[in-house]
Amino acid sequence: MRQGEIWFVNLSPTIGAEITKTRPCVIVSSNEIGILPLKVIAPITDFKTHYNSVPWMVELFPDKINNLSKKSVVDLFQLRSVSEARLIRNIGKVTEEEFQKILEAIKIVFGIY
């Protein structure tokens, strides 16, 4: 379970507008922070055209590195810490370039400019 890897994660149960279901997620927490059995993850969801104007969404195109089946986005507004017990299976990883875009989107979410 390393930073930049994509895992299927069981996000249920949730409350309100929290993203739900078992879905791919990117691990964003640092590899050096491993004392607790938790990971900070960012959920991946299906791409929709109106996401092009949303600055906290990072596009991912399916390839043999991420092993996604369709064009998707990482939703950095839905960051959360989850128990490692919620991580089901590693399916791939994001590229270094994609991870840098993820970090930039996190800065937008937290107002770090």
PDB file of N, CA and C in Angstrom:
ATOM      1  N   MET A   1       0.848  -1.176   0.000  1.00  0.00           N
ATOM      2  CA  MET A   1       0.000   0.000   0.000  1.00  0.00           C
ATOM      3  C   MET A   1       0.891   1.236   0.000  1.00  0.00           C
ATOM      4  N   ARG A   2       1.141   1.760  -1.205  1.00  0.00           N
ATOM      5  CA  ARG A   2       2.103   2.846  -1.376  1.00  0.00           C
ATOM      6  C   ARG A   2       1.448   4.038  -2.058  1.00  0.00           C
ATOM      7  N   GLN A   3       2.018   5.201  -1.796  1.00  0.00           N
ATOM      8  CA  GLN A   3       1.536   6.434  -2.409  1.00  0.00           C
ATOM      9  C   GLN A   3       1.529   6.294  -3.929  1.00  0.00           C
ATOM     10  N   GLY A   4       0.424   6.735  -4.539  1.00  0.00           N
ATOM     11  CA  GLY A   4       0.292   6.685  -5.990  1.00  0.00           C
ATOM     12  C   GLY A   4      -0.344   5.415  -6.520  1.00  0.00           C
ATOM     13  N   GLU A   5      -0.470   4.401  -5.673  1.00  0.00           N
ATOM     14  CA  GLU A   5      -1.133   3.174  -6.109  1.00  0.00           C
ATOM     15  C   GLU A   5      -2.643   3.369  -6.166  1.00  0.00           C
ATOM     16  N   ILE A   6      -3.271   2.614  -7.056  1.00  0.00           N
ATOM     17  CA  ILE A   6      -4.733   2.612  -7.172  1.00  0.00           C
ATOM     18  C   ILE A   6      -5.231   1.287  -6.603  1.00  0.00           C
ATOM     19  N   TRP A   7      -6.154   1.387  -5.669  1.00  0.00           N
ATOM     20  CA  TRP A   7      -6.745   0.218  -5.013  1.00  0.00           C
ATOM     21  C   TRP A   7      -8.253   0.284  -5.116  1.00  0.00           C
ATOM     22  N   PHE A   8      -8.898  -0.883  -5.209  1.00  0.00           N
ATOM     23  CA  PHE A   8     -10.335  -0.932  -4.983  1.00  0.00           C
ATOM     24  C   PHE A   8     -10.540  -0.784  -3.488  1.00  0.00           C
ATOM     25  N   VAL A   9     -11.425   0.168  -3.116  1.00  0.00           N
ATOM     26  CA  VAL A   9     -11.666   0.480  -1.711  1.00  0.00           C
ATOM     27  C   VAL A   9     -13.166   0.444  -1.452  1.00  0.00           C
ATOM     28  N   ASN A  10     -13.555  -0.203  -0.374  1.00  0.00           N
ATOM     29  CA  ASN A  10     -14.961  -0.226   0.043  1.00  0.00           C
ATOM     30  C   ASN A  10     -15.234   1.040   0.850  1.00  0.00           C
ATOM     31  N   LEU A  11     -15.933   2.002   0.255  1.00  0.00           N
ATOM     32  CA  LEU A  11     -16.199   3.286   0.904  1.00  0.00           C
ATOM     33  C   LEU A  11     -17.522   3.315   1.658  1.00  0.00           C
ATOM     34  N   SER A  12     -18.273   2.243   1.618  1.00  0.00           N
ATOM     35  CA  SER A  12     -19.568   2.202   2.310  1.00  0.00           C
ATOM     36  C   SER A  12     -19.375   1.650   3.716  1.00  0.00           C
ATOM     37  N   PRO A  13     -20.183   2.082   4.673  1.00  0.00           N
ATOM     38  CA  PRO A  13     -21.290   3.029   4.544  1.00  0.00           C
ATOM     39  C   PRO A  13     -20.795   4.476   4.559  1.00  0.00           C
ATOM     40  N   THR A  14     -21.624   5.346   4.020  1.00  0.00           N
ATOM     41  CA  THR A  14     -21.330   6.775   3.993  1.00  0.00           C
ATOM     42  C   THR A  14     -22.555   7.537   4.468  1.00  0.00           C
ATOM     43  N   ILE A  15     -22.392   8.836   4.611  1.00  0.00           N
ATOM     44  CA  ILE A  15     -23.492   9.716   5.009  1.00  0.00           C
ATOM     45  C   ILE A  15     -23.541  10.881   4.037  1.00  0.00           C
ATOM     46  N   GLY A  16     -24.745  11.311   3.684  1.00  0.00           N
ATOM     47  CA  GLY A  16     -24.921  12.512   2.866  1.00  0.00           C
ATOM     48  C   GLY A  16     -24.284  12.404   1.497  1.00  0.00           C
ATOM     49  N   ALA A  17     -23.511  13.430   1.130  1.00  0.00           N
ATOM     50  CA  ALA A  17     -22.935  13.531  -0.212  1.00  0.00           C
ATOM     51  C   ALA A  17     -21.573  12.851  -0.340  1.00  0.00           C
ATOM     52  N   GLU A  18     -21.160  12.089   0.675  1.00  0.00           N
ATOM     53  CA  GLU A  18     -19.887  11.383   0.573  1.00  0.00           C
ATOM     54  C   GLU A  18     -19.966  10.348  -0.547  1.00  0.00           C
ATOM     55  N   ILE A  19     -18.902  10.254  -1.326  1.00  0.00           N
ATOM     56  CA  ILE A  19     -18.861   9.280  -2.418  1.00  0.00           C
ATOM     57  C   ILE A  19     -18.869   7.872  -1.814  1.00  0.00           C
ATOM     58  N   THR A  20     -19.604   6.978  -2.449  1.00  0.00           N
ATOM     59  CA  THR A  20     -19.874   5.668  -1.847  1.00  0.00           C
ATOM     60  C   THR A  20     -19.470   4.535  -2.788  1.00  0.00           C
ATOM     61  N   LYS A  21     -19.780   3.348  -2.426  1.00  0.00           N
ATOM     62  CA  LYS A  21     -19.559   2.106  -3.168  1.00  0.00           C
ATOM     63  C   LYS A  21     -18.108   1.645  -3.078  1.00  0.00           C
ATOM     64  N   THR A  22     -17.862   0.476  -3.609  1.00  0.00           N
ATOM     65  CA  THR A  22     -16.501  -0.010  -3.785  1.00  0.00           C
ATOM     66  C   THR A  22     -16.024   0.522  -5.122  1.00  0.00           C
ATOM     67  N   ARG A  23     -14.922   1.242  -5.090  1.00  0.00           N
ATOM     68  CA  ARG A  23     -14.438   1.909  -6.300  1.00  0.00           C
ATOM     69  C   ARG A  23     -12.923   2.065  -6.244  1.00  0.00           C
ATOM     70  N   PRO A  24     -12.308   2.339  -7.383  1.00  0.00           N
ATOM     71  CA  PRO A  24     -10.870   2.598  -7.357  1.00  0.00           C
ATOM     72  C   PRO A  24     -10.575   3.920  -6.647  1.00  0.00           C
ATOM     73  N   CYS A  25      -9.477   3.942  -5.921  1.00  0.00           N
ATOM     74  CA  CYS A  25      -9.030   5.135  -5.203  1.00  0.00           C
ATOM     75  C   CYS A  25      -7.509   5.206  -5.293  1.00  0.00           C
ATOM     76  N   VAL A  26      -6.989   6.433  -5.286  1.00  0.00           N
ATOM     77  CA  VAL A  26      -5.543   6.651  -5.277  1.00  0.00           C
ATOM     78  C   VAL A  26      -5.093   6.876  -3.838  1.00  0.00           C
ATOM     79  N   ILE A  27      -4.048   6.189  -3.430  1.00  0.00           N
ATOM     80  CA  ILE A  27      -3.458   6.456  -2.119  1.00  0.00           C
ATOM     81  C   ILE A  27      -2.631   7.728  -2.242  1.00  0.00           C
ATOM     82  N   VAL A  28      -2.946   8.739  -1.424  1.00  0.00           N
ATOM     83  CA  VAL A  28      -2.217  10.005  -1.489  1.00  0.00           C
ATOM     84  C   VAL A  28      -1.332  10.241  -0.266  1.00  0.00           C
ATOM     85  N   SER A  29      -1.542   9.492   0.806  1.00  0.00           N
ATOM     86  CA  SER A  29      -0.724   9.698   2.003  1.00  0.00           C
ATOM     87  C   SER A  29       0.720   9.272   1.748  1.00  0.00           C
ATOM     88  N   SER A  30       1.618   9.905   2.480  1.00  0.00           N
ATOM     89  CA  SER A  30       3.048   9.647   2.352  1.00  0.00           C
ATOM     90  C   SER A  30       3.392   8.229   2.795  1.00  0.00           C
ATOM     91  N   ASN A  31       4.374   7.641   2.141  1.00  0.00           N
ATOM     92  CA  ASN A  31       4.841   6.311   2.532  1.00  0.00           C
ATOM     93  C   ASN A  31       5.524   6.329   3.900  1.00  0.00           C
ATOM     94  N   GLU A  32       6.035   7.493   4.296  1.00  0.00           N
ATOM     95  CA  GLU A  32       6.745   7.612   5.571  1.00  0.00           C
ATOM     96  C   GLU A  32       5.799   7.665   6.764  1.00  0.00           C
ATOM     97  N   ILE A  33       4.524   7.912   6.525  1.00  0.00           N
ATOM     98  CA  ILE A  33       3.548   7.972   7.612  1.00  0.00           C
ATOM     99  C   ILE A  33       2.832   6.633   7.645  1.00  0.00           C
ATOM    100  N   GLY A  34       3.330   5.738   8.478  1.00  0.00           N
ATOM    101  CA  GLY A  34       2.761   4.399   8.491  1.00  0.00           C
ATOM    102  C   GLY A  34       2.534   3.845   9.875  1.00  0.00           C
ATOM    103  N   ILE A  35       2.454   4.721  10.878  1.00  0.00           N
ATOM    104  CA  ILE A  35       2.291   4.256  12.254  1.00  0.00           C
ATOM    105  C   ILE A  35       0.900   3.662  12.460  1.00  0.00           C
ATOM    106  N   LEU A  36      -0.122   4.361  11.986  1.00  0.00           N
ATOM    107  CA  LEU A  36      -1.496   3.881  12.122  1.00  0.00           C
ATOM    108  C   LEU A  36      -1.889   3.073  10.893  1.00  0.00           C
ATOM    109  N   PRO A  37      -2.789   2.107  11.044  1.00  0.00           N
ATOM    110  CA  PRO A  37      -3.233   1.314   9.891  1.00  0.00           C
ATOM    111  C   PRO A  37      -4.300   2.062   9.086  1.00  0.00           C
ATOM    112  N   LEU A  38      -3.951   3.290   8.658  1.00  0.00           N
ATOM    113  CA  LEU A  38      -4.847   4.146   7.880  1.00  0.00           C
ATOM    114  C   LEU A  38      -4.122   4.628   6.635  1.00  0.00           C
ATOM    115  N   LYS A  39      -4.901   4.928   5.599  1.00  0.00           N
ATOM    116  CA  LYS A  39      -4.372   5.558   4.391  1.00  0.00           C
ATOM    117  C   LYS A  39      -5.282   6.723   4.032  1.00  0.00           C
ATOM    118  N   VAL A  40      -4.681   7.810   3.538  1.00  0.00           N
ATOM    119  CA  VAL A  40      -5.469   8.903   2.980  1.00  0.00           C
ATOM    120  C   VAL A  40      -5.648   8.580   1.505  1.00  0.00           C
ATOM    121  N   ILE A  41      -6.901   8.538   1.076  1.00  0.00           N
ATOM    122  CA  ILE A  41      -7.205   8.144  -0.303  1.00  0.00           C
ATOM    123  C   ILE A  41      -8.049   9.218  -0.988  1.00  0.00           C
ATOM    124  N   ALA A  42      -8.009   9.182  -2.316  1.00  0.00           N
ATOM    125  CA  ALA A  42      -8.854  10.038  -3.143  1.00  0.00           C
ATOM    126  C   ALA A  42      -9.629   9.129  -4.092  1.00  0.00           C
ATOM    127  N   PRO A  43     -10.963   9.168  -4.034  1.00  0.00           N
ATOM    128  CA  PRO A  43     -11.774   8.297  -4.883  1.00  0.00           C
ATOM    129  C   PRO A  43     -11.681   8.658  -6.367  1.00  0.00           C
ATOM    130  N   ILE A  44     -11.853   7.656  -7.186  1.00  0.00           N
ATOM    131  CA  ILE A  44     -11.907   7.813  -8.640  1.00  0.00           C
ATOM    132  C   ILE A  44     -13.340   7.553  -9.072  1.00  0.00           C
ATOM    133  N   THR A  45     -13.828   8.407  -9.975  1.00  0.00           N
ATOM    134  CA  THR A  45     -15.192   8.256 -10.477  1.00  0.00           C
ATOM    135  C   THR A  45     -15.204   8.428 -11.992  1.00  0.00           C
ATOM    136  N   ASP A  46     -16.319   8.072 -12.620  1.00  0.00           N
ATOM    137  CA  ASP A  46     -16.459   8.193 -14.074  1.00  0.00           C
ATOM    138  C   ASP A  46     -16.320   9.644 -14.511  1.00  0.00           C
ATOM    139  N   PHE A  47     -15.667   9.857 -15.649  1.00  0.00           N
ATOM    140  CA  PHE A  47     -15.525  11.195 -16.219  1.00  0.00           C
ATOM    141  C   PHE A  47     -16.862  11.698 -16.741  1.00  0.00           C
ATOM    142  N   LYS A  48     -17.134  12.964 -16.495  1.00  0.00           N
ATOM    143  CA  LYS A  48     -18.276  13.663 -17.095  1.00  0.00           C
ATOM    144  C   LYS A  48     -17.748  14.980 -17.656  1.00  0.00           C
ATOM    145  N   THR A  49     -18.280  15.413 -18.788  1.00  0.00           N
ATOM    146  CA  THR A  49     -17.759  16.580 -19.486  1.00  0.00           C
ATOM    147  C   THR A  49     -17.663  17.809 -18.591  1.00  0.00           C
ATOM    148  N   HIS A  50     -18.647  18.030 -17.726  1.00  0.00           N
ATOM    149  CA  HIS A  50     -18.615  19.240 -16.898  1.00  0.00           C
ATOM    150  C   HIS A  50     -17.484  19.216 -15.867  1.00  0.00           C
ATOM    151  N   TYR A  51     -16.822  18.079 -15.673  1.00  0.00           N
ATOM    152  CA  TYR A  51     -15.678  18.027 -14.761  1.00  0.00           C
ATOM    153  C   TYR A  51     -14.469  18.771 -15.322  1.00  0.00           C
ATOM    154  N   ASN A  52     -14.471  19.060 -16.635  1.00  0.00           N
ATOM    155  CA  ASN A  52     -13.355  19.796 -17.236  1.00  0.00           C
ATOM    156  C   ASN A  52     -13.134  21.143 -16.565  1.00  0.00           C
ATOM    157  N   SER A  53     -14.200  21.733 -16.016  1.00  0.00           N
ATOM    158  CA  SER A  53     -14.087  23.054 -15.393  1.00  0.00           C
ATOM    159  C   SER A  53     -13.951  22.979 -13.873  1.00  0.00           C
ATOM    160  N   VAL A  54     -13.808  21.791 -13.322  1.00  0.00           N
ATOM    161  CA  VAL A  54     -13.709  21.617 -11.871  1.00  0.00           C
ATOM    162  C   VAL A  54     -12.227  21.437 -11.511  1.00  0.00           C
ATOM    163  N   PRO A  55     -11.635  22.410 -10.803  1.00  0.00           N
ATOM    164  CA  PRO A  55     -10.184  22.383 -10.591  1.00  0.00           C
ATOM    165  C   PRO A  55      -9.667  21.288  -9.657  1.00  0.00           C
ATOM    166  N   TRP A  56     -10.534  20.654  -8.890  1.00  0.00           N
ATOM    167  CA  TRP A  56     -10.067  19.587  -7.982  1.00  0.00           C
ATOM    168  C   TRP A  56     -10.275  18.194  -8.564  1.00  0.00           C
ATOM    169  N   MET A  57     -10.640  18.109  -9.827  1.00  0.00           N
ATOM    170  CA  MET A  57     -10.772  16.826 -10.516  1.00  0.00           C
ATOM    171  C   MET A  57      -9.563  16.639 -11.436  1.00  0.00           C
ATOM    172  N   VAL A  58      -8.919  15.484 -11.339  1.00  0.00           N
ATOM    173  CA  VAL A  58      -7.755  15.177 -12.179  1.00  0.00           C
ATOM    174  C   VAL A  58      -8.118  14.018 -13.100  1.00  0.00           C
ATOM    175  N   GLU A  59      -8.011  14.263 -14.410  1.00  0.00           N
ATOM    176  CA  GLU A  59      -8.361  13.240 -15.407  1.00  0.00           C
ATOM    177  C   GLU A  59      -7.353  12.097 -15.428  1.00  0.00           C
ATOM    178  N   LEU A  60      -7.883  10.903 -15.589  1.00  0.00           N
ATOM    179  CA  LEU A  60      -7.061   9.715 -15.811  1.00  0.00           C
ATOM    180  C   LEU A  60      -7.591   8.997 -17.046  1.00  0.00           C
ATOM    181  N   PHE A  61      -6.698   8.674 -17.957  1.00  0.00           N
ATOM    182  CA  PHE A  61      -7.070   7.914 -19.142  1.00  0.00           C
ATOM    183  C   PHE A  61      -6.654   6.462 -18.927  1.00  0.00           C
ATOM    184  N   PRO A  62      -7.499   5.512 -19.317  1.00  0.00           N
ATOM    185  CA  PRO A  62      -7.165   4.104 -19.075  1.00  0.00           C
ATOM    186  C   PRO A  62      -5.903   3.683 -19.828  1.00  0.00           C
ATOM    187  N   ASP A  63      -5.043   2.964 -19.124  1.00  0.00           N
ATOM    188  CA  ASP A  63      -3.836   2.421 -19.747  1.00  0.00           C
ATOM    189  C   ASP A  63      -3.368   1.195 -18.958  1.00  0.00           C
ATOM    190  N   LYS A  64      -2.234   0.654 -19.365  1.00  0.00           N
ATOM    191  CA  LYS A  64      -1.736  -0.571 -18.717  1.00  0.00           C
ATOM    192  C   LYS A  64      -1.038  -0.295 -17.390  1.00  0.00           C
ATOM    193  N   ILE A  65      -0.877   0.971 -17.044  1.00  0.00           N
ATOM    194  CA  ILE A  65      -0.273   1.321 -15.754  1.00  0.00           C
ATOM    195  C   ILE A  65      -1.349   1.428 -14.683  1.00  0.00           C
ATOM    196  N   ASN A  66      -2.443   2.144 -15.015  1.00  0.00           N
ATOM    197  CA  ASN A  66      -3.509   2.316 -14.005  1.00  0.00           C
ATOM    198  C   ASN A  66      -4.555   1.203 -14.059  1.00  0.00           C
ATOM    199  N   ASN A  67      -4.645   0.518 -15.186  1.00  0.00           N
ATOM    200  CA  ASN A  67      -5.598  -0.590 -15.373  1.00  0.00           C
ATOM    201  C   ASN A  67      -7.058  -0.190 -15.187  1.00  0.00           C
ATOM    202  N   LEU A  68      -7.359   1.086 -15.417  1.00  0.00           N
ATOM    203  CA  LEU A  68      -8.755   1.525 -15.391  1.00  0.00           C
ATOM    204  C   LEU A  68      -9.419   1.110 -16.696  1.00  0.00           C
ATOM    205  N   SER A  69     -10.723   0.937 -16.671  1.00  0.00           N
ATOM    206  CA  SER A  69     -11.434   0.463 -17.863  1.00  0.00           C
ATOM    207  C   SER A  69     -12.019   1.596 -18.693  1.00  0.00           C
ATOM    208  N   LYS A  70     -12.043   2.821 -18.135  1.00  0.00           N
ATOM    209  CA  LYS A  70     -12.619   3.952 -18.869  1.00  0.00           C
ATOM    210  C   LYS A  70     -12.030   5.255 -18.366  1.00  0.00           C
ATOM    211  N   LYS A  71     -12.232   6.319 -19.150  1.00  0.00           N
ATOM    212  CA  LYS A  71     -11.779   7.644 -18.744  1.00  0.00           C
ATOM    213  C   LYS A  71     -12.431   7.991 -17.409  1.00  0.00           C
ATOM    214  N   SER A  72     -11.628   8.473 -16.477  1.00  0.00           N
ATOM    215  CA  SER A  72     -12.094   8.699 -15.111  1.00  0.00           C
ATOM    216  C   SER A  72     -11.497   9.991 -14.578  1.00  0.00           C
ATOM    217  N   VAL A  73     -11.901  10.364 -13.365  1.00  0.00           N
ATOM    218  CA  VAL A  73     -11.297  11.494 -12.660  1.00  0.00           C
ATOM    219  C   VAL A  73     -11.046  11.107 -11.211  1.00  0.00           C
ATOM    220  N   VAL A  74      -9.976  11.682 -10.656  1.00  0.00           N
ATOM    221  CA  VAL A  74      -9.715  11.583  -9.224  1.00  0.00           C
ATOM    222  C   VAL A  74     -10.393  12.794  -8.596  1.00  0.00           C
ATOM    223  N   ASP A  75     -11.268  12.566  -7.633  1.00  0.00           N
ATOM    224  CA  ASP A  75     -12.022  13.640  -6.982  1.00  0.00           C
ATOM    225  C   ASP A  75     -11.315  14.025  -5.685  1.00  0.00           C
ATOM    226  N   LEU A  76     -10.517  15.095  -5.734  1.00  0.00           N
ATOM    227  CA  LEU A  76      -9.740  15.488  -4.567  1.00  0.00           C
ATOM    228  C   LEU A  76     -10.558  16.227  -3.522  1.00  0.00           C
ATOM    229  N   PHE A  77     -11.798  16.565  -3.816  1.00  0.00           N
ATOM    230  CA  PHE A  77     -12.662  17.163  -2.794  1.00  0.00           C
ATOM    231  C   PHE A  77     -13.220  16.089  -1.868  1.00  0.00           C
ATOM    232  N   GLN A  78     -13.060  14.830  -2.245  1.00  0.00           N
ATOM    233  CA  GLN A  78     -13.571  13.708  -1.452  1.00  0.00           C
ATOM    234  C   GLN A  78     -12.445  12.956  -0.729  1.00  0.00           C
ATOM    235  N   LEU A  79     -11.328  13.636  -0.485  1.00  0.00           N
ATOM    236  CA  LEU A  79     -10.235  13.021   0.274  1.00  0.00           C
ATOM    237  C   LEU A  79     -10.733  12.504   1.606  1.00  0.00           C
ATOM    238  N   ARG A  80     -10.196  11.380   2.047  1.00  0.00           N
ATOM    239  CA  ARG A  80     -10.525  10.882   3.387  1.00  0.00           C
ATOM    240  C   ARG A  80      -9.493   9.861   3.846  1.00  0.00           C
ATOM    241  N   SER A  81      -9.433   9.716   5.157  1.00  0.00           N
ATOM    242  CA  SER A  81      -8.626   8.647   5.749  1.00  0.00           C
ATOM    243  C   SER A  81      -9.511   7.426   5.904  1.00  0.00           C
ATOM    244  N   VAL A  82      -8.973   6.275   5.549  1.00  0.00           N
ATOM    245  CA  VAL A  82      -9.725   5.025   5.698  1.00  0.00           C
ATOM    246  C   VAL A  82      -8.823   3.972   6.328  1.00  0.00           C
ATOM    247  N   SER A  83      -9.432   3.039   6.993  1.00  0.00           N
ATOM    248  CA  SER A  83      -8.709   1.894   7.530  1.00  0.00           C
ATOM    249  C   SER A  83      -8.133   1.075   6.376  1.00  0.00           C
ATOM    250  N   GLU A  84      -6.946   0.545   6.580  1.00  0.00           N
ATOM    251  CA  GLU A  84      -6.367  -0.341   5.568  1.00  0.00           C
ATOM    252  C   GLU A  84      -7.265  -1.546   5.306  1.00  0.00           C
ATOM    253  N   ALA A  85      -8.135  -1.884   6.251  1.00  0.00           N
ATOM    254  CA  ALA A  85      -9.062  -3.007   6.074  1.00  0.00           C
ATOM    255  C   ALA A  85     -10.066  -2.736   4.955  1.00  0.00           C
ATOM    256  N   ARG A  86     -10.270  -1.458   4.584  1.00  0.00           N
ATOM    257  CA  ARG A  86     -11.183  -1.117   3.486  1.00  0.00           C
ATOM    258  C   ARG A  86     -10.541  -1.323   2.110  1.00  0.00           C
ATOM    259  N   LEU A  87      -9.222  -1.407   2.046  1.00  0.00           N
ATOM    260  CA  LEU A  87      -8.522  -1.585   0.778  1.00  0.00           C
ATOM    261  C   LEU A  87      -8.583  -3.051   0.380  1.00  0.00           C
ATOM    262  N   ILE A  88      -9.186  -3.315  -0.769  1.00  0.00           N
ATOM    263  CA  ILE A  88      -9.484  -4.685  -1.191  1.00  0.00           C
ATOM    264  C   ILE A  88      -8.393  -5.274  -2.082  1.00  0.00           C
ATOM    265  N   ARG A  89      -8.012  -4.505  -3.119  1.00  0.00           N
ATOM    266  CA  ARG A  89      -7.086  -5.077  -4.107  1.00  0.00           C
ATOM    267  C   ARG A  89      -6.395  -3.967  -4.882  1.00  0.00           C
ATOM    268  N   ASN A  90      -5.094  -4.110  -5.071  1.00  0.00           N
ATOM    269  CA  ASN A  90      -4.325  -3.165  -5.878  1.00  0.00           C
ATOM    270  C   ASN A  90      -4.604  -3.453  -7.350  1.00  0.00           C
ATOM    271  N   ILE A  91      -4.913  -2.388  -8.105  1.00  0.00           N
ATOM    272  CA  ILE A  91      -5.164  -2.599  -9.535  1.00  0.00           C
ATOM    273  C   ILE A  91      -4.157  -1.889 -10.428  1.00  0.00           C
ATOM    274  N   GLY A  92      -3.391  -0.943  -9.884  1.00  0.00           N
ATOM    275  CA  GLY A  92      -2.435  -0.213 -10.709  1.00  0.00           C
ATOM    276  C   GLY A  92      -1.868   0.964  -9.960  1.00  0.00           C
ATOM    277  N   LYS A  93      -1.433   1.974 -10.723  1.00  0.00           N
ATOM    278  CA  LYS A  93      -0.899   3.183 -10.110  1.00  0.00           C
ATOM    279  C   LYS A  93      -1.027   4.334 -11.096  1.00  0.00           C
ATOM    280  N   VAL A  94      -0.861   5.541 -10.576  1.00  0.00           N
ATOM    281  CA  VAL A  94      -0.844   6.721 -11.434  1.00  0.00           C
ATOM    282  C   VAL A  94       0.609   7.017 -11.793  1.00  0.00           C
ATOM    283  N   THR A  95       0.802   7.762 -12.875  1.00  0.00           N
ATOM    284  CA  THR A  95       2.152   8.164 -13.262  1.00  0.00           C
ATOM    285  C   THR A  95       2.616   9.299 -12.352  1.00  0.00           C
ATOM    286  N   GLU A  96       3.902   9.588 -12.382  1.00  0.00           N
ATOM    287  CA  GLU A  96       4.446  10.704 -11.595  1.00  0.00           C
ATOM    288  C   GLU A  96       3.798  12.023 -12.027  1.00  0.00           C
ATOM    289  N   GLU A  97       3.605  12.203 -13.337  1.00  0.00           N
ATOM    290  CA  GLU A  97       2.955  13.417 -13.848  1.00  0.00           C
ATOM    291  C   GLU A  97       1.526  13.534 -13.322  1.00  0.00           C
ATOM    292  N   GLU A  98       0.786  12.445 -13.338  1.00  0.00           N
ATOM    293  CA  GLU A  98      -0.584  12.459 -12.807  1.00  0.00           C
ATOM    294  C   GLU A  98      -0.582  12.744 -11.309  1.00  0.00           C
ATOM    295  N   PHE A  99       0.399  12.168 -10.586  1.00  0.00           N
ATOM    296  CA  PHE A  99       0.434  12.398  -9.144  1.00  0.00           C
ATOM    297  C   PHE A  99       0.744  13.863  -8.835  1.00  0.00           C
ATOM    298  N   GLN A 100       1.579  14.491  -9.636  1.00  0.00           N
ATOM    299  CA  GLN A 100       1.853  15.921  -9.436  1.00  0.00           C
ATOM    300  C   GLN A 100       0.582  16.747  -9.643  1.00  0.00           C
ATOM    301  N   LYS A 101      -0.238  16.376 -10.621  1.00  0.00           N
ATOM    302  CA  LYS A 101      -1.526  17.059 -10.830  1.00  0.00           C
ATOM    303  C   LYS A 101      -2.447  16.843  -9.628  1.00  0.00           C
ATOM    304  N   ILE A 102      -2.408  15.649  -9.055  1.00  0.00           N
ATOM    305  CA  ILE A 102      -3.197  15.351  -7.855  1.00  0.00           C
ATOM    306  C   ILE A 102      -2.758  16.256  -6.706  1.00  0.00           C
ATOM    307  N   LEU A 103      -1.442  16.411  -6.514  1.00  0.00           N
ATOM    308  CA  LEU A 103      -0.942  17.285  -5.449  1.00  0.00           C
ATOM    309  C   LEU A 103      -1.374  18.730  -5.669  1.00  0.00           C
ATOM    310  N   GLU A 104      -1.356  19.195  -6.913  1.00  0.00           N
ATOM    311  CA  GLU A 104      -1.808  20.562  -7.210  1.00  0.00           C
ATOM    312  C   GLU A 104      -3.290  20.726  -6.892  1.00  0.00           C
ATOM    313  N   ALA A 105      -4.086  19.720  -7.206  1.00  0.00           N
ATOM    314  CA  ALA A 105      -5.523  19.782  -6.908  1.00  0.00           C
ATOM    315  C   ALA A 105      -5.769  19.783  -5.401  1.00  0.00           C
ATOM    316  N   ILE A 106      -4.956  19.054  -4.642  1.00  0.00           N
ATOM    317  CA  ILE A 106      -5.078  19.073  -3.179  1.00  0.00           C
ATOM    318  C   ILE A 106      -4.809  20.476  -2.657  1.00  0.00           C
ATOM    319  N   LYS A 107      -3.829  21.161  -3.218  1.00  0.00           N
ATOM    320  CA  LYS A 107      -3.542  22.545  -2.815  1.00  0.00           C
ATOM    321  C   LYS A 107      -4.750  23.441  -3.049  1.00  0.00           C
ATOM    322  N   ILE A 108      -5.441  23.230  -4.154  1.00  0.00           N
ATOM    323  CA  ILE A 108      -6.647  24.015  -4.449  1.00  0.00           C
ATOM    324  C   ILE A 108      -7.712  23.745  -3.400  1.00  0.00           C
ATOM    325  N   VAL A 109      -7.937  22.484  -3.072  1.00  0.00           N
ATOM    326  CA  VAL A 109      -8.965  22.117  -2.085  1.00  0.00           C
ATOM    327  C   VAL A 109      -8.681  22.774  -0.738  1.00  0.00           C
ATOM    328  N   PHE A 110      -7.421  22.820  -0.334  1.00  0.00           N
ATOM    329  CA  PHE A 110      -7.065  23.363   0.974  1.00  0.00           C
ATOM    330  C   PHE A 110      -6.683  24.844   0.938  1.00  0.00           C
ATOM    331  N   GLY A 111      -6.742  25.465  -0.236  1.00  0.00           N
ATOM    332  CA  GLY A 111      -6.423  26.885  -0.344  1.00  0.00           C
ATOM    333  C   GLY A 111      -4.953  27.189  -0.127  1.00  0.00           C
ATOM    334  N   ILE A 112      -4.090  26.272  -0.525  1.00  0.00           N
ATOM    335  CA  ILE A 112      -2.641  26.453  -0.393  1.00  0.00           C
ATOM    336  C   ILE A 112      -2.118  26.897  -1.758  1.00  0.00           C
ATOM    337  N   TYR A 113      -1.778  28.171  -1.880  1.00  0.00           N
ATOM    338  CA  TYR A 113      -1.349  28.691  -3.186  1.00  0.00           C
ATOM    339  C   TYR A 113       0.097  29.095  -3.176  1.00  0.00           C
TER     340      TYR A 113
END
